[in-house]
Amino acid sequence: PSLTNDASYLGLTGSNILVNINDSGIDAGHPDLAGRVLTVDTNFLADPQGHGTHVAASLAGDGTMSSTVTNAPGSVPGARFSGRVPDARLFL
């Protein structure tokens, strides 16, 4: 079985798209999101709960570091997962 889901969905990448994320914040330093998180309030550039980062990565994570995750129950070790629009920028 394939260990990747990084094929483009309907040819969509999210390029030139800005998506608003209303959640617990986003870990702007996460390698799968780095350089694409924008905000007017730097308090949102941290995510102590992790939920906002999870939502953001499900949508726009590029999958760069997903193969290093070792604590994801149900996931195959070494798998590469990206969001549906991995080129989108995120706004909080």
N, C-alpha and C. Protein backbone atom coordinates (compact mmCIF):
# COMPACT_ATOMS: atom_id res chain seq x y z
N PRO A 1 0.83 -1.20 0.00
CA PRO A 1 0.00 0.00 0.00
C PRO A 1 0.87 1.25 0.00
N SER A 2 0.32 2.30 -0.57
CA SER A 2 1.02 3.57 -0.62
C SER A 2 1.10 4.20 0.76
N LEU A 3 2.21 4.84 1.05
CA LEU A 3 2.38 5.53 2.33
C LEU A 3 2.26 7.03 2.15
N THR A 4 1.59 7.47 1.12
CA THR A 4 1.47 8.90 0.87
C THR A 4 0.06 9.26 0.42
N ASN A 5 -0.32 10.46 0.73
CA ASN A 5 -1.58 11.00 0.22
C ASN A 5 -1.31 12.37 -0.40
N ASP A 6 -0.11 12.60 -0.89
CA ASP A 6 0.26 13.93 -1.35
C ASP A 6 -0.14 14.22 -2.80
N ALA A 7 -0.98 13.38 -3.39
CA ALA A 7 -1.49 13.67 -4.72
C ALA A 7 -2.48 14.83 -4.61
N SER A 8 -2.47 15.70 -5.57
CA SER A 8 -3.35 16.86 -5.58
C SER A 8 -4.81 16.43 -5.72
N TYR A 9 -5.66 17.03 -4.94
CA TYR A 9 -7.10 16.76 -5.00
C TYR A 9 -7.70 17.64 -6.09
N LEU A 10 -8.19 17.04 -7.16
CA LEU A 10 -8.79 17.74 -8.28
C LEU A 10 -7.87 18.80 -8.87
N GLY A 11 -6.57 18.62 -8.70
CA GLY A 11 -5.60 19.57 -9.23
C GLY A 11 -5.49 20.84 -8.42
N LEU A 12 -6.11 20.88 -7.24
CA LEU A 12 -6.08 22.07 -6.41
C LEU A 12 -4.88 22.05 -5.47
N THR A 13 -4.20 23.18 -5.35
CA THR A 13 -3.04 23.27 -4.47
C THR A 13 -3.19 24.32 -3.38
N GLY A 14 -4.08 25.29 -3.59
CA GLY A 14 -4.23 26.38 -2.64
C GLY A 14 -3.33 27.55 -2.95
N SER A 15 -2.61 27.47 -4.03
CA SER A 15 -1.72 28.57 -4.42
C SER A 15 -2.52 29.86 -4.57
N ASN A 16 -1.99 30.94 -4.02
CA ASN A 16 -2.63 32.26 -4.05
C ASN A 16 -3.93 32.32 -3.25
N ILE A 17 -4.11 31.42 -2.29
CA ILE A 17 -5.31 31.41 -1.45
C ILE A 17 -4.90 31.69 0.00
N LEU A 18 -5.67 32.51 0.68
CA LEU A 18 -5.48 32.81 2.10
C LEU A 18 -6.69 32.25 2.84
N VAL A 19 -6.44 31.35 3.79
CA VAL A 19 -7.50 30.69 4.54
C VAL A 19 -7.49 31.18 5.98
N ASN A 20 -8.66 31.58 6.48
CA ASN A 20 -8.78 32.01 7.87
C ASN A 20 -8.99 30.79 8.76
N ILE A 21 -8.21 30.68 9.83
CA ILE A 21 -8.34 29.60 10.80
C ILE A 21 -8.75 30.22 12.13
N ASN A 22 -9.95 29.93 12.59
CA ASN A 22 -10.42 30.39 13.91
C ASN A 22 -10.35 29.21 14.86
N ASP A 23 -9.29 29.18 15.65
CA ASP A 23 -9.09 28.03 16.52
C ASP A 23 -8.19 28.43 17.68
N SER A 24 -7.52 27.46 18.28
CA SER A 24 -6.71 27.67 19.48
C SER A 24 -5.36 28.33 19.20
N GLY A 25 -5.08 28.64 17.95
CA GLY A 25 -3.78 29.18 17.54
C GLY A 25 -3.15 28.21 16.57
N ILE A 26 -1.97 28.55 16.07
CA ILE A 26 -1.22 27.65 15.19
C ILE A 26 0.24 27.73 15.58
N ASP A 27 0.87 26.59 15.68
CA ASP A 27 2.32 26.55 15.90
C ASP A 27 2.97 26.97 14.59
N ALA A 28 3.27 28.25 14.47
CA ALA A 28 3.80 28.80 13.23
C ALA A 28 5.19 28.26 12.89
N GLY A 29 5.85 27.65 13.86
CA GLY A 29 7.17 27.06 13.62
C GLY A 29 7.11 25.63 13.13
N HIS A 30 5.91 25.08 13.02
CA HIS A 30 5.78 23.69 12.55
C HIS A 30 6.32 23.62 11.12
N PRO A 31 7.23 22.71 10.84
CA PRO A 31 7.86 22.64 9.51
C PRO A 31 6.88 22.47 8.35
N ASP A 32 5.75 21.83 8.57
CA ASP A 32 4.77 21.63 7.48
C ASP A 32 3.97 22.89 7.18
N LEU A 33 4.08 23.90 8.06
CA LEU A 33 3.32 25.15 7.90
C LEU A 33 4.22 26.39 7.83
N ALA A 34 5.49 26.21 8.11
CA ALA A 34 6.42 27.33 8.23
C ALA A 34 6.40 28.27 7.04
N GLY A 35 6.39 29.56 7.35
CA GLY A 35 6.44 30.58 6.32
C GLY A 35 5.11 30.90 5.69
N ARG A 36 4.04 30.25 6.16
CA ARG A 36 2.73 30.46 5.53
C ARG A 36 1.65 30.85 6.53
N VAL A 37 2.05 31.20 7.76
CA VAL A 37 1.09 31.58 8.80
C VAL A 37 1.19 33.08 9.03
N LEU A 38 0.06 33.78 8.87
CA LEU A 38 0.00 35.24 9.03
C LEU A 38 -0.99 35.59 10.14
N THR A 39 -0.70 36.67 10.87
CA THR A 39 -1.61 37.12 11.92
C THR A 39 -1.37 38.59 12.23
N VAL A 40 -2.33 39.21 12.86
CA VAL A 40 -2.16 40.57 13.37
C VAL A 40 -1.91 40.53 14.87
N ASP A 41 -2.03 39.37 15.49
CA ASP A 41 -1.83 39.19 16.92
C ASP A 41 -0.89 38.01 17.15
N THR A 42 0.34 38.29 17.53
CA THR A 42 1.34 37.23 17.68
C THR A 42 1.01 36.22 18.77
N ASN A 43 0.02 36.52 19.62
CA ASN A 43 -0.40 35.54 20.64
C ASN A 43 -0.96 34.28 20.00
N PHE A 44 -1.42 34.38 18.76
CA PHE A 44 -1.99 33.23 18.07
C PHE A 44 -0.94 32.35 17.39
N LEU A 45 0.34 32.74 17.45
CA LEU A 45 1.40 31.98 16.79
C LEU A 45 1.96 30.88 17.68
N ALA A 46 1.21 30.52 18.67
CA ALA A 46 1.52 29.38 19.54
C ALA A 46 0.22 28.61 19.71
N ASP A 47 0.32 27.34 20.00
CA ASP A 47 -0.88 26.51 20.12
C ASP A 47 -0.71 25.50 21.24
N PRO A 48 -0.91 25.93 22.49
CA PRO A 48 -0.70 25.01 23.61
C PRO A 48 -1.63 23.80 23.60
N GLN A 49 -2.79 23.91 22.98
CA GLN A 49 -3.73 22.78 22.91
C GLN A 49 -3.44 21.87 21.73
N GLY A 50 -2.84 22.42 20.66
CA GLY A 50 -2.53 21.61 19.48
C GLY A 50 -3.66 21.47 18.48
N HIS A 51 -4.87 21.82 18.87
CA HIS A 51 -6.01 21.61 17.98
C HIS A 51 -5.94 22.48 16.73
N GLY A 52 -5.62 23.76 16.90
CA GLY A 52 -5.53 24.66 15.75
C GLY A 52 -4.46 24.23 14.76
N THR A 53 -3.33 23.75 15.27
CA THR A 53 -2.26 23.27 14.40
C THR A 53 -2.71 22.03 13.64
N HIS A 54 -3.44 21.16 14.32
CA HIS A 54 -3.97 19.95 13.67
C HIS A 54 -4.93 20.33 12.54
N VAL A 55 -5.84 21.25 12.81
CA VAL A 55 -6.80 21.69 11.80
C VAL A 55 -6.06 22.34 10.62
N ALA A 56 -5.12 23.23 10.92
CA ALA A 56 -4.37 23.92 9.88
C ALA A 56 -3.59 22.95 9.01
N ALA A 57 -2.95 21.97 9.63
CA ALA A 57 -2.16 21.00 8.87
C ALA A 57 -3.05 20.05 8.06
N SER A 58 -4.22 19.72 8.58
CA SER A 58 -5.15 18.89 7.81
C SER A 58 -5.57 19.60 6.53
N LEU A 59 -5.67 20.90 6.61
CA LEU A 59 -6.05 21.69 5.47
C LEU A 59 -4.85 22.04 4.58
N ALA A 60 -3.78 22.56 5.19
CA ALA A 60 -2.71 23.15 4.39
C ALA A 60 -1.31 22.65 4.71
N GLY A 61 -1.17 21.60 5.49
CA GLY A 61 0.17 21.07 5.76
C GLY A 61 0.78 20.51 4.48
N ASP A 62 2.07 20.74 4.28
CA ASP A 62 2.69 20.26 3.04
C ASP A 62 3.30 18.86 3.19
N GLY A 63 3.25 18.29 4.39
CA GLY A 63 3.70 16.91 4.60
C GLY A 63 5.20 16.73 4.74
N THR A 64 5.94 17.81 4.74
CA THR A 64 7.40 17.74 4.78
C THR A 64 7.92 16.88 5.92
N MET A 65 7.38 17.05 7.11
CA MET A 65 7.90 16.35 8.28
C MET A 65 6.99 15.24 8.80
N SER A 66 5.91 14.95 8.12
CA SER A 66 4.97 13.96 8.65
C SER A 66 5.59 12.58 8.79
N SER A 67 6.59 12.27 7.99
CA SER A 67 7.21 10.94 8.09
C SER A 67 8.00 10.77 9.38
N THR A 68 8.25 11.86 10.11
CA THR A 68 9.00 11.77 11.36
C THR A 68 8.10 11.56 12.57
N VAL A 69 6.80 11.62 12.38
CA VAL A 69 5.87 11.46 13.50
C VAL A 69 5.85 10.00 13.94
N THR A 70 6.03 9.78 15.23
CA THR A 70 6.09 8.40 15.75
C THR A 70 4.97 8.10 16.74
N ASN A 71 4.18 9.11 17.09
CA ASN A 71 3.16 8.90 18.13
C ASN A 71 1.74 9.11 17.60
N ALA A 72 1.49 8.71 16.36
CA ALA A 72 0.15 8.87 15.78
C ALA A 72 -0.52 7.50 15.71
N PRO A 73 -1.37 7.18 16.70
CA PRO A 73 -2.04 5.88 16.71
C PRO A 73 -2.83 5.66 15.42
N GLY A 74 -2.66 4.48 14.84
CA GLY A 74 -3.37 4.13 13.62
C GLY A 74 -2.66 4.52 12.35
N SER A 75 -1.57 5.28 12.45
CA SER A 75 -0.82 5.69 11.27
C SER A 75 0.35 4.74 11.04
N VAL A 76 0.69 4.55 9.80
CA VAL A 76 1.82 3.71 9.43
C VAL A 76 3.10 4.51 9.66
N PRO A 77 4.09 3.97 10.37
CA PRO A 77 5.35 4.70 10.57
C PRO A 77 5.99 5.09 9.23
N GLY A 78 6.46 6.32 9.15
CA GLY A 78 7.11 6.78 7.93
C GLY A 78 6.16 7.30 6.87
N ALA A 79 4.86 7.34 7.17
CA ALA A 79 3.88 7.80 6.19
C ALA A 79 4.05 9.29 5.91
N ARG A 80 3.70 9.70 4.70
CA ARG A 80 3.74 11.12 4.35
C ARG A 80 2.32 11.58 4.06
N PHE A 81 1.87 12.54 4.84
CA PHE A 81 0.51 13.06 4.69
C PHE A 81 0.57 14.56 4.49
N SER A 82 -0.18 15.05 3.53
CA SER A 82 -0.28 16.49 3.33
C SER A 82 -1.75 16.88 3.35
N GLY A 83 -2.00 18.18 3.55
CA GLY A 83 -3.37 18.68 3.55
C GLY A 83 -3.90 18.77 2.13
N ARG A 84 -5.15 19.15 2.02
CA ARG A 84 -5.80 19.24 0.70
C ARG A 84 -5.30 20.40 -0.13
N VAL A 85 -4.86 21.47 0.50
CA VAL A 85 -4.37 22.65 -0.24
C VAL A 85 -3.01 23.07 0.35
N PRO A 86 -1.97 22.29 0.10
CA PRO A 86 -0.68 22.48 0.77
C PRO A 86 0.08 23.75 0.39
N ASP A 87 -0.38 24.51 -0.58
CA ASP A 87 0.30 25.77 -0.92
C ASP A 87 -0.44 26.98 -0.37
N ALA A 88 -1.55 26.78 0.32
CA ALA A 88 -2.33 27.90 0.86
C ALA A 88 -1.58 28.56 2.02
N ARG A 89 -1.84 29.85 2.18
CA ARG A 89 -1.36 30.58 3.35
C ARG A 89 -2.49 30.60 4.38
N LEU A 90 -2.12 30.72 5.65
CA LEU A 90 -3.10 30.65 6.74
C LEU A 90 -3.12 31.95 7.52
N PHE A 91 -4.31 32.41 7.89
CA PHE A 91 -4.46 33.65 8.63
C PHE A 91 -5.23 33.40 9.92
N LEU A 92 -4.71 33.98 11.01
CA LEU A 92 -5.38 33.88 12.32
C LEU A 92 -5.80 35.25 12.77
